[in-house]
Amino acid sequence: NLYCNLVDSGEKAGALEKMLDRIATYLEKTELLKKKVK
């Protein structure tokens, strides 16, 4: 839901590319953190 809601906000604001960049950064950081914890 978080991913879909953020994409929806980006589409409605007309800044989808910025939102996708922000989501990508968030996902990359989260996955890196998960790897460290594992």
PDB file of all heavy atoms in Angstrom:
ATOM      1  N   ASN A   1       0.821  -1.222   0.000  1.00  0.00           N
ATOM      2  CA  ASN A   1       0.000   0.000   0.000  1.00  0.00           C
ATOM      3  C   ASN A   1       0.848   1.262   0.000  1.00  0.00           C
ATOM      4  O   ASN A   1       0.508   2.253  -0.650  1.00  0.00           O
ATOM      5  CB  ASN A   1      -0.936   0.009   1.218  1.00  0.00           C
ATOM      6  CG  ASN A   1      -2.140  -0.885   1.013  1.00  0.00           C
ATOM      7  OD1 ASN A   1      -2.578  -1.093  -0.116  1.00  0.00           O
ATOM      8  ND2 ASN A   1      -2.649  -1.444   2.098  1.00  0.00           N
ATOM      9  N   LEU A   2       1.949   1.233   0.753  1.00  0.00           N
ATOM     10  CA  LEU A   2       2.845   2.393   0.822  1.00  0.00           C
ATOM     11  C   LEU A   2       3.381   2.742  -0.567  1.00  0.00           C
ATOM     12  O   LEU A   2       3.335   3.910  -0.984  1.00  0.00           O
ATOM     13  CB  LEU A   2       4.001   2.094   1.780  1.00  0.00           C
ATOM     14  CG  LEU A   2       5.102   3.151   1.883  1.00  0.00           C
ATOM     15  CD1 LEU A   2       4.550   4.459   2.402  1.00  0.00           C
ATOM     16  CD2 LEU A   2       6.241   2.661   2.775  1.00  0.00           C
ATOM     17  N   TYR A   3       3.866   1.751  -1.293  1.00  0.00           N
ATOM     18  CA  TYR A   3       4.401   1.953  -2.645  1.00  0.00           C
ATOM     19  C   TYR A   3       3.316   2.535  -3.554  1.00  0.00           C
ATOM     20  O   TYR A   3       3.546   3.536  -4.256  1.00  0.00           O
ATOM     21  CB  TYR A   3       4.904   0.609  -3.187  1.00  0.00           C
ATOM     22  CG  TYR A   3       5.750   0.698  -4.443  1.00  0.00           C
ATOM     23  CD1 TYR A   3       7.109   0.442  -4.393  1.00  0.00           C
ATOM     24  CD2 TYR A   3       5.192   1.028  -5.684  1.00  0.00           C
ATOM     25  CE1 TYR A   3       7.904   0.507  -5.540  1.00  0.00           C
ATOM     26  CE2 TYR A   3       5.968   1.095  -6.823  1.00  0.00           C
ATOM     27  CZ  TYR A   3       7.315   0.836  -6.754  1.00  0.00           C
ATOM     28  OH  TYR A   3       8.087   0.910  -7.894  1.00  0.00           O
ATOM     29  N   CYS A   4       2.141   1.915  -3.543  1.00  0.00           N
ATOM     30  CA  CYS A   4       1.046   2.347  -4.431  1.00  0.00           C
ATOM     31  C   CYS A   4       0.569   3.760  -4.087  1.00  0.00           C
ATOM     32  O   CYS A   4       0.296   4.566  -4.990  1.00  0.00           O
ATOM     33  CB  CYS A   4      -0.121   1.367  -4.343  1.00  0.00           C
ATOM     34  SG  CYS A   4       0.295  -0.294  -4.924  1.00  0.00           S
ATOM     35  N   ASN A   5       0.481   4.060  -2.782  1.00  0.00           N
ATOM     36  CA  ASN A   5       0.035   5.395  -2.364  1.00  0.00           C
ATOM     37  C   ASN A   5       1.030   6.478  -2.786  1.00  0.00           C
ATOM     38  O   ASN A   5       0.628   7.577  -3.205  1.00  0.00           O
ATOM     39  CB  ASN A   5      -0.160   5.433  -0.850  1.00  0.00           C
ATOM     40  CG  ASN A   5      -1.358   4.614  -0.397  1.00  0.00           C
ATOM     41  OD1 ASN A   5      -2.246   4.323  -1.201  1.00  0.00           O
ATOM     42  ND2 ASN A   5      -1.384   4.226   0.858  1.00  0.00           N
ATOM     43  N   LEU A   6       2.318   6.175  -2.673  1.00  0.00           N
ATOM     44  CA  LEU A   6       3.345   7.144  -3.078  1.00  0.00           C
ATOM     45  C   LEU A   6       3.311   7.386  -4.588  1.00  0.00           C
ATOM     46  O   LEU A   6       3.419   8.530  -5.046  1.00  0.00           O
ATOM     47  CB  LEU A   6       4.734   6.657  -2.655  1.00  0.00           C
ATOM     48  CG  LEU A   6       5.036   6.655  -1.150  1.00  0.00           C
ATOM     49  CD1 LEU A   6       6.366   5.991  -0.867  1.00  0.00           C
ATOM     50  CD2 LEU A   6       5.029   8.068  -0.588  1.00  0.00           C
ATOM     51  N   VAL A   7       3.139   6.316  -5.374  1.00  0.00           N
ATOM     52  CA  VAL A   7       3.037   6.454  -6.835  1.00  0.00           C
ATOM     53  C   VAL A   7       1.787   7.269  -7.195  1.00  0.00           C
ATOM     54  O   VAL A   7       1.830   8.138  -8.077  1.00  0.00           O
ATOM     55  CB  VAL A   7       2.999   5.065  -7.515  1.00  0.00           C
ATOM     56  CG1 VAL A   7       2.615   5.183  -8.990  1.00  0.00           C
ATOM     57  CG2 VAL A   7       4.357   4.381  -7.406  1.00  0.00           C
ATOM     58  N   ASP A   8       0.691   6.996  -6.484  1.00  0.00           N
ATOM     59  CA  ASP A   8      -0.559   7.728  -6.715  1.00  0.00           C
ATOM     60  C   ASP A   8      -0.367   9.222  -6.442  1.00  0.00           C
ATOM     61  O   ASP A   8      -0.819  10.074  -7.219  1.00  0.00           O
ATOM     62  CB  ASP A   8      -1.647   7.151  -5.807  1.00  0.00           C
ATOM     63  CG  ASP A   8      -3.039   7.638  -6.195  1.00  0.00           C
ATOM     64  OD1 ASP A   8      -3.272   7.871  -7.401  1.00  0.00           O
ATOM     65  OD2 ASP A   8      -3.890   7.788  -5.306  1.00  0.00           O
ATOM     66  N   SER A   9       0.328   9.542  -5.335  1.00  0.00           N
ATOM     67  CA  SER A   9       0.610  10.955  -4.995  1.00  0.00           C
ATOM     68  C   SER A   9       1.465  11.605  -6.086  1.00  0.00           C
ATOM     69  O   SER A   9       1.217  12.748  -6.480  1.00  0.00           O
ATOM     70  CB  SER A   9       1.341  11.044  -3.661  1.00  0.00           C
ATOM     71  OG  SER A   9       0.583  10.506  -2.633  1.00  0.00           O
ATOM     72  N   GLY A  10       2.475  10.873  -6.570  1.00  0.00           N
ATOM     73  CA  GLY A  10       3.346  11.395  -7.628  1.00  0.00           C
ATOM     74  C   GLY A  10       2.598  11.641  -8.926  1.00  0.00           C
ATOM     75  O   GLY A  10       2.829  12.655  -9.604  1.00  0.00           O
ATOM     76  N   GLU A  11       1.698  10.731  -9.290  1.00  0.00           N
ATOM     77  CA  GLU A  11       0.892  10.894 -10.510  1.00  0.00           C
ATOM     78  C   GLU A  11      -0.015  12.118 -10.415  1.00  0.00           C
ATOM     79  O   GLU A  11      -0.110  12.914 -11.356  1.00  0.00           O
ATOM     80  CB  GLU A  11       0.041   9.641 -10.743  1.00  0.00           C
ATOM     81  CG  GLU A  11       0.789   8.494 -11.400  1.00  0.00           C
ATOM     82  CD  GLU A  11      -0.135   7.366 -11.807  1.00  0.00           C
ATOM     83  OE1 GLU A  11      -0.823   6.821 -10.926  1.00  0.00           O
ATOM     84  OE2 GLU A  11      -0.173   7.026 -13.000  1.00  0.00           O
ATOM     85  N   LYS A  12      -0.678  12.253  -9.284  1.00  0.00           N
ATOM     86  CA  LYS A  12      -1.622  13.376  -9.101  1.00  0.00           C
ATOM     87  C   LYS A  12      -0.900  14.723  -9.053  1.00  0.00           C
ATOM     88  O   LYS A  12      -1.434  15.742  -9.490  1.00  0.00           O
ATOM     89  CB  LYS A  12      -2.437  13.169  -7.829  1.00  0.00           C
ATOM     90  CG  LYS A  12      -3.480  12.055  -7.973  1.00  0.00           C
ATOM     91  CD  LYS A  12      -4.194  11.767  -6.669  1.00  0.00           C
ATOM     92  CE  LYS A  12      -5.215  10.663  -6.856  1.00  0.00           C
ATOM     93  NZ  LYS A  12      -5.840  10.259  -5.577  1.00  0.00           N
ATOM     94  N   ALA A  13       0.330  14.721  -8.519  1.00  0.00           N
ATOM     95  CA  ALA A  13       1.103  15.969  -8.414  1.00  0.00           C
ATOM     96  C   ALA A  13       1.858  16.286  -9.703  1.00  0.00           C
ATOM     97  O   ALA A  13       2.449  17.367  -9.834  1.00  0.00           O
ATOM     98  CB  ALA A  13       2.086  15.869  -7.252  1.00  0.00           C
ATOM     99  N   GLY A  14       1.872  15.342 -10.657  1.00  0.00           N
ATOM    100  CA  GLY A  14       2.594  15.553 -11.920  1.00  0.00           C
ATOM    101  C   GLY A  14       4.097  15.466 -11.775  1.00  0.00           C
ATOM    102  O   GLY A  14       4.846  16.036 -12.565  1.00  0.00           O
ATOM    103  N   ALA A  15       4.544  14.749 -10.727  1.00  0.00           N
ATOM    104  CA  ALA A  15       5.995  14.613 -10.493  1.00  0.00           C
ATOM    105  C   ALA A  15       6.334  13.145 -10.261  1.00  0.00           C
ATOM    106  O   ALA A  15       6.980  12.786  -9.270  1.00  0.00           O
ATOM    107  CB  ALA A  15       6.401  15.460  -9.292  1.00  0.00           C
ATOM    108  N   LEU A  16       5.898  12.298 -11.183  1.00  0.00           N
ATOM    109  CA  LEU A  16       6.076  10.854 -11.021  1.00  0.00           C
ATOM    110  C   LEU A  16       7.542  10.454 -11.010  1.00  0.00           C
ATOM    111  O   LEU A  16       7.950   9.600 -10.224  1.00  0.00           O
ATOM    112  CB  LEU A  16       5.328  10.104 -12.135  1.00  0.00           C
ATOM    113  CG  LEU A  16       5.334   8.571 -12.059  1.00  0.00           C
ATOM    114  CD1 LEU A  16       4.753   8.078 -10.737  1.00  0.00           C
ATOM    115  CD2 LEU A  16       4.564   7.970 -13.229  1.00  0.00           C
ATOM    116  N   GLU A  17       8.364  11.089 -11.879  1.00  0.00           N
ATOM    117  CA  GLU A  17       9.784  10.701 -11.945  1.00  0.00           C
ATOM    118  C   GLU A  17      10.509  11.005 -10.631  1.00  0.00           C
ATOM    119  O   GLU A  17      11.338  10.209 -10.162  1.00  0.00           O
ATOM    120  CB  GLU A  17      10.492  11.368 -13.131  1.00  0.00           C
ATOM    121  CG  GLU A  17      10.634  12.886 -13.076  1.00  0.00           C
ATOM    122  CD  GLU A  17       9.371  13.624 -13.513  1.00  0.00           C
ATOM    123  OE1 GLU A  17       8.400  12.962 -13.910  1.00  0.00           O
ATOM    124  OE2 GLU A  17       9.378  14.869 -13.440  1.00  0.00           O
ATOM    125  N   LYS A  18      10.170  12.153  -9.999  1.00  0.00           N
ATOM    126  CA  LYS A  18      10.783  12.495  -8.703  1.00  0.00           C
ATOM    127  C   LYS A  18      10.341  11.507  -7.622  1.00  0.00           C
ATOM    128  O   LYS A  18      11.135  11.091  -6.771  1.00  0.00           O
ATOM    129  CB  LYS A  18      10.403  13.927  -8.294  1.00  0.00           C
ATOM    130  CG  LYS A  18      11.107  15.002  -9.105  1.00  0.00           C
ATOM    131  CD  LYS A  18      10.725  16.381  -8.604  1.00  0.00           C
ATOM    132  CE  LYS A  18      11.395  17.475  -9.451  1.00  0.00           C
ATOM    133  NZ  LYS A  18      10.960  18.822  -9.013  1.00  0.00           N
ATOM    134  N   MET A  19       9.047  11.158  -7.676  1.00  0.00           N
ATOM    135  CA  MET A  19       8.513  10.230  -6.683  1.00  0.00           C
ATOM    136  C   MET A  19       9.138   8.840  -6.834  1.00  0.00           C
ATOM    137  O   MET A  19       9.488   8.191  -5.848  1.00  0.00           O
ATOM    138  CB  MET A  19       6.984  10.145  -6.815  1.00  0.00           C
ATOM    139  CG  MET A  19       6.328   9.272  -5.746  1.00  0.00           C
ATOM    140  SD  MET A  19       6.758   9.769  -4.076  1.00  0.00           S
ATOM    141  CE  MET A  19       5.965  11.363  -3.988  1.00  0.00           C
ATOM    142  N   LEU A  20       9.303   8.378  -8.072  1.00  0.00           N
ATOM    143  CA  LEU A  20       9.923   7.076  -8.314  1.00  0.00           C
ATOM    144  C   LEU A  20      11.379   7.069  -7.832  1.00  0.00           C
ATOM    145  O   LEU A  20      11.853   6.072  -7.284  1.00  0.00           O
ATOM    146  CB  LEU A  20       9.865   6.718  -9.804  1.00  0.00           C
ATOM    147  CG  LEU A  20       8.502   6.265 -10.341  1.00  0.00           C
ATOM    148  CD1 LEU A  20       8.547   6.136 -11.857  1.00  0.00           C
ATOM    149  CD2 LEU A  20       8.066   4.944  -9.722  1.00  0.00           C
ATOM    150  N   ASP A  21      12.068   8.191  -8.034  1.00  0.00           N
ATOM    151  CA  ASP A  21      13.448   8.318  -7.554  1.00  0.00           C
ATOM    152  C   ASP A  21      13.495   8.222  -6.030  1.00  0.00           C
ATOM    153  O   ASP A  21      14.355   7.541  -5.457  1.00  0.00           O
ATOM    154  CB  ASP A  21      14.021   9.656  -8.025  1.00  0.00           C
ATOM    155  CG  ASP A  21      15.495   9.811  -7.651  1.00  0.00           C
ATOM    156  OD1 ASP A  21      16.286   8.940  -8.039  1.00  0.00           O
ATOM    157  OD2 ASP A  21      15.817  10.785  -6.955  1.00  0.00           O
ATOM    158  N   ARG A  22      12.533   8.876  -5.378  1.00  0.00           N
ATOM    159  CA  ARG A  22      12.470   8.849  -3.915  1.00  0.00           C
ATOM    160  C   ARG A  22      12.128   7.444  -3.406  1.00  0.00           C
ATOM    161  O   ARG A  22      12.701   6.964  -2.425  1.00  0.00           O
ATOM    162  CB  ARG A  22      11.404   9.860  -3.459  1.00  0.00           C
ATOM    163  CG  ARG A  22      11.449  10.184  -1.988  1.00  0.00           C
ATOM    164  CD  ARG A  22      10.565  11.365  -1.681  1.00  0.00           C
ATOM    165  NE  ARG A  22      11.191  12.615  -2.036  1.00  0.00           N
ATOM    166  CZ  ARG A  22      10.534  13.705  -2.436  1.00  0.00           C
ATOM    167  NH1 ARG A  22       9.237  13.679  -2.560  1.00  0.00           N
ATOM    168  NH2 ARG A  22      11.176  14.817  -2.725  1.00  0.00           N
ATOM    169  N   ILE A  23      11.187   6.782  -4.091  1.00  0.00           N
ATOM    170  CA  ILE A  23      10.799   5.412  -3.704  1.00  0.00           C
ATOM    171  C   ILE A  23      11.982   4.465  -3.894  1.00  0.00           C
ATOM    172  O   ILE A  23      12.235   3.604  -3.048  1.00  0.00           O
ATOM    173  CB  ILE A  23       9.587   4.925  -4.537  1.00  0.00           C
ATOM    174  CG1 ILE A  23       8.344   5.753  -4.220  1.00  0.00           C
ATOM    175  CG2 ILE A  23       9.297   3.449  -4.259  1.00  0.00           C
ATOM    176  CD1 ILE A  23       7.176   5.515  -5.172  1.00  0.00           C
ATOM    177  N   ALA A  24      12.694   4.626  -5.011  1.00  0.00           N
ATOM    178  CA  ALA A  24      13.858   3.764  -5.290  1.00  0.00           C
ATOM    179  C   ALA A  24      14.912   3.918  -4.198  1.00  0.00           C
ATOM    180  O   ALA A  24      15.476   2.920  -3.714  1.00  0.00           O
ATOM    181  CB  ALA A  24      14.450   4.112  -6.655  1.00  0.00           C
ATOM    182  N   THR A  25      15.177   5.163  -3.788  1.00  0.00           N
ATOM    183  CA  THR A  25      16.151   5.412  -2.714  1.00  0.00           C
ATOM    184  C   THR A  25      15.704   4.747  -1.420  1.00  0.00           C
ATOM    185  O   THR A  25      16.497   4.096  -0.723  1.00  0.00           O
ATOM    186  CB  THR A  25      16.321   6.930  -2.488  1.00  0.00           C
ATOM    187  OG1 THR A  25      16.731   7.536  -3.716  1.00  0.00           O
ATOM    188  CG2 THR A  25      17.352   7.216  -1.416  1.00  0.00           C
ATOM    189  N   TYR A  26      14.411   4.905  -1.105  1.00  0.00           N
ATOM    190  CA  TYR A  26      13.848   4.305   0.114  1.00  0.00           C
ATOM    191  C   TYR A  26      13.983   2.780   0.087  1.00  0.00           C
ATOM    192  O   TYR A  26      14.431   2.162   1.063  1.00  0.00           O
ATOM    193  CB  TYR A  26      12.376   4.723   0.253  1.00  0.00           C
ATOM    194  CG  TYR A  26      11.519   3.735   0.995  1.00  0.00           C
ATOM    195  CD1 TYR A  26      11.687   3.487   2.350  1.00  0.00           C
ATOM    196  CD2 TYR A  26      10.511   3.026   0.326  1.00  0.00           C
ATOM    197  CE1 TYR A  26      10.900   2.564   3.025  1.00  0.00           C
ATOM    198  CE2 TYR A  26       9.725   2.105   0.988  1.00  0.00           C
ATOM    199  CZ  TYR A  26       9.920   1.882   2.329  1.00  0.00           C
ATOM    200  OH  TYR A  26       9.145   0.968   2.981  1.00  0.00           O
ATOM    201  N   LEU A  27      13.631   2.154  -1.049  1.00  0.00           N
ATOM    202  CA  LEU A  27      13.700   0.694  -1.165  1.00  0.00           C
ATOM    203  C   LEU A  27      15.144   0.191  -1.077  1.00  0.00           C
ATOM    204  O   LEU A  27      15.424  -0.821  -0.426  1.00  0.00           O
ATOM    205  CB  LEU A  27      13.072   0.228  -2.483  1.00  0.00           C
ATOM    206  CG  LEU A  27      11.552   0.357  -2.600  1.00  0.00           C
ATOM    207  CD1 LEU A  27      11.104  -0.008  -4.009  1.00  0.00           C
ATOM    208  CD2 LEU A  27      10.836  -0.526  -1.587  1.00  0.00           C
ATOM    209  N   GLU A  28      16.060   0.899  -1.752  1.00  0.00           N
ATOM    210  CA  GLU A  28      17.476   0.498  -1.725  1.00  0.00           C
ATOM    211  C   GLU A  28      18.045   0.568  -0.310  1.00  0.00           C
ATOM    212  O   GLU A  28      18.745  -0.347   0.138  1.00  0.00           O
ATOM    213  CB  GLU A  28      18.288   1.392  -2.671  1.00  0.00           C
ATOM    214  CG  GLU A  28      18.055   1.090  -4.140  1.00  0.00           C
ATOM    215  CD  GLU A  28      18.494   2.222  -5.063  1.00  0.00           C
ATOM    216  OE1 GLU A  28      18.952   3.277  -4.556  1.00  0.00           O
ATOM    217  OE2 GLU A  28      18.376   2.054  -6.281  1.00  0.00           O
ATOM    218  N   LYS A  29      17.731   1.658   0.401  1.00  0.00           N
ATOM    219  CA  LYS A  29      18.218   1.817   1.780  1.00  0.00           C
ATOM    220  C   LYS A  29      17.614   0.752   2.692  1.00  0.00           C
ATOM    221  O   LYS A  29      18.305   0.189   3.556  1.00  0.00           O
ATOM    222  CB  LYS A  29      17.859   3.216   2.304  1.00  0.00           C
ATOM    223  CG  LYS A  29      18.531   4.359   1.570  1.00  0.00           C
ATOM    224  CD  LYS A  29      19.942   4.583   2.066  1.00  0.00           C
ATOM    225  CE  LYS A  29      20.550   5.835   1.454  1.00  0.00           C
ATOM    226  NZ  LYS A  29      21.944   6.041   1.886  1.00  0.00           N
ATOM    227  N   THR A  30      16.308   0.484   2.498  1.00  0.00           N
ATOM    228  CA  THR A  30      15.625  -0.509   3.332  1.00  0.00           C
ATOM    229  C   THR A  30      16.197  -1.896   3.117  1.00  0.00           C
ATOM    230  O   THR A  30      16.436  -2.645   4.076  1.00  0.00           O
ATOM    231  CB  THR A  30      14.111  -0.513   3.021  1.00  0.00           C
ATOM    232  OG1 THR A  30      13.584   0.804   3.181  1.00  0.00           O
ATOM    233  CG2 THR A  30      13.358  -1.456   3.944  1.00  0.00           C
ATOM    234  N   GLU A  31      16.430  -2.265   1.849  1.00  0.00           N
ATOM    235  CA  GLU A  31      16.973  -3.588   1.544  1.00  0.00           C
ATOM    236  C   GLU A  31      18.406  -3.735   2.067  1.00  0.00           C
ATOM    237  O   GLU A  31      18.786  -4.798   2.553  1.00  0.00           O
ATOM    238  CB  GLU A  31      16.947  -3.835   0.023  1.00  0.00           C
ATOM    239  CG  GLU A  31      15.572  -4.136  -0.526  1.00  0.00           C
ATOM    240  CD  GLU A  31      14.863  -5.248   0.220  1.00  0.00           C
ATOM    241  OE1 GLU A  31      15.411  -6.364   0.295  1.00  0.00           O
ATOM    242  OE2 GLU A  31      13.777  -4.990   0.755  1.00  0.00           O
ATOM    243  N   LEU A  32      19.172  -2.646   1.983  1.00  0.00           N
ATOM    244  CA  LEU A  32      20.542  -2.663   2.511  1.00  0.00           C
ATOM    245  C   LEU A  32      20.531  -2.879   4.022  1.00  0.00           C
ATOM    246  O   LEU A  32      21.325  -3.655   4.565  1.00  0.00           O
ATOM    247  CB  LEU A  32      21.241  -1.344   2.168  1.00  0.00           C
ATOM    248  CG  LEU A  32      22.746  -1.265   2.438  1.00  0.00           C
ATOM    249  CD1 LEU A  32      23.513  -2.272   1.595  1.00  0.00           C
ATOM    250  CD2 LEU A  32      23.259   0.153   2.165  1.00  0.00           C
ATOM    251  N   LEU A  33      19.586  -2.214   4.698  1.00  0.00           N
ATOM    252  CA  LEU A  33      19.443  -2.358   6.149  1.00  0.00           C
ATOM    253  C   LEU A  33      19.034  -3.789   6.516  1.00  0.00           C
ATOM    254  O   LEU A  33      19.557  -4.372   7.468  1.00  0.00           O
ATOM    255  CB  LEU A  33      18.403  -1.353   6.661  1.00  0.00           C
ATOM    256  CG  LEU A  33      18.298  -1.173   8.175  1.00  0.00           C
ATOM    257  CD1 LEU A  33      19.598  -0.626   8.739  1.00  0.00           C
ATOM    258  CD2 LEU A  33      17.145  -0.247   8.518  1.00  0.00           C
ATOM    259  N   LYS A  34      18.109  -4.352   5.737  1.00  0.00           N
ATOM    260  CA  LYS A  34      17.672  -5.740   5.975  1.00  0.00           C
ATOM    261  C   LYS A  34      18.847  -6.710   5.846  1.00  0.00           C
ATOM    262  O   LYS A  34      18.989  -7.641   6.639  1.00  0.00           O
ATOM    263  CB  LYS A  34      16.583  -6.136   4.966  1.00  0.00           C
ATOM    264  CG  LYS A  34      15.197  -5.629   5.309  1.00  0.00           C
ATOM    265  CD  LYS A  34      14.211  -6.137   4.265  1.00  0.00           C
ATOM    266  CE  LYS A  34      12.837  -5.539   4.465  1.00  0.00           C
ATOM    267  NZ  LYS A  34      11.906  -5.961   3.375  1.00  0.00           N
ATOM    268  N   LYS A  35      19.686  -6.485   4.828  1.00  0.00           N
ATOM    269  CA  LYS A  35      20.850  -7.357   4.618  1.00  0.00           C
ATOM    270  C   LYS A  35      21.801  -7.288   5.811  1.00  0.00           C
ATOM    271  O   LYS A  35      22.351  -8.305   6.246  1.00  0.00           O
ATOM    272  CB  LYS A  35      21.593  -6.943   3.345  1.00  0.00           C
ATOM    273  CG  LYS A  35      20.955  -7.472   2.069  1.00  0.00           C
ATOM    274  CD  LYS A  35      21.807  -7.145   0.861  1.00  0.00           C
ATOM    275  CE  LYS A  35      21.172  -7.683  -0.418  1.00  0.00           C
ATOM    276  NZ  LYS A  35      21.976  -7.368  -1.613  1.00  0.00           N
ATOM    277  N   LYS A  36      21.992  -6.065   6.331  1.00  0.00           N
ATOM    278  CA  LYS A  36      22.885  -5.897   7.480  1.00  0.00           C
ATOM    279  C   LYS A  36      22.342  -6.622   8.709  1.00  0.00           C
ATOM    280  O   LYS A  36      23.098  -7.263   9.455  1.00  0.00           O
ATOM    281  CB  LYS A  36      23.071  -4.405   7.784  1.00  0.00           C
ATOM    282  CG  LYS A  36      23.929  -3.686   6.750  1.00  0.00           C
ATOM    283  CD  LYS A  36      23.894  -2.191   6.977  1.00  0.00           C
ATOM    284  CE  LYS A  36      24.643  -1.462   5.874  1.00  0.00           C
ATOM    285  NZ  LYS A  36      24.494   0.001   5.972  1.00  0.00           N
ATOM    286  N   VAL A  37      21.030  -6.499   8.937  1.00  0.00           N
ATOM    287  CA  VAL A  37      20.404  -7.163  10.088  1.00  0.00           C
ATOM    288  C   VAL A  37      20.483  -8.685   9.939  1.00  0.00           C
ATOM    289  O   VAL A  37      20.775  -9.404  10.891  1.00  0.00           O
ATOM    290  CB  VAL A  37      18.940  -6.696  10.254  1.00  0.00           C
ATOM    291  CG1 VAL A  37      18.233  -7.502  11.331  1.00  0.00           C
ATOM    292  CG2 VAL A  37      18.888  -5.211  10.598  1.00  0.00           C
ATOM    293  N   LYS A  38      20.230  -9.180   8.712  1.00  0.00           N
ATOM    294  CA  LYS A  38      20.340 -10.623   8.455  1.00  0.00           C
ATOM    295  C   LYS A  38      21.762 -11.121   8.706  1.00  0.00           C
ATOM    296  O   LYS A  38      21.979 -12.202   9.253  1.00  0.00           O
ATOM    297  CB  LYS A  38      19.935 -10.930   7.010  1.00  0.00           C
ATOM    298  CG  LYS A  38      18.441 -11.047   6.802  1.00  0.00           C
ATOM    299  CD  LYS A  38      18.125 -11.428   5.376  1.00  0.00           C
ATOM    300  CE  LYS A  38      16.610 -11.479   5.156  1.00  0.00           C
ATOM    301  NZ  LYS A  38      16.273 -11.786   3.744  1.00  0.00           N
TER     302      LYS A  38
END
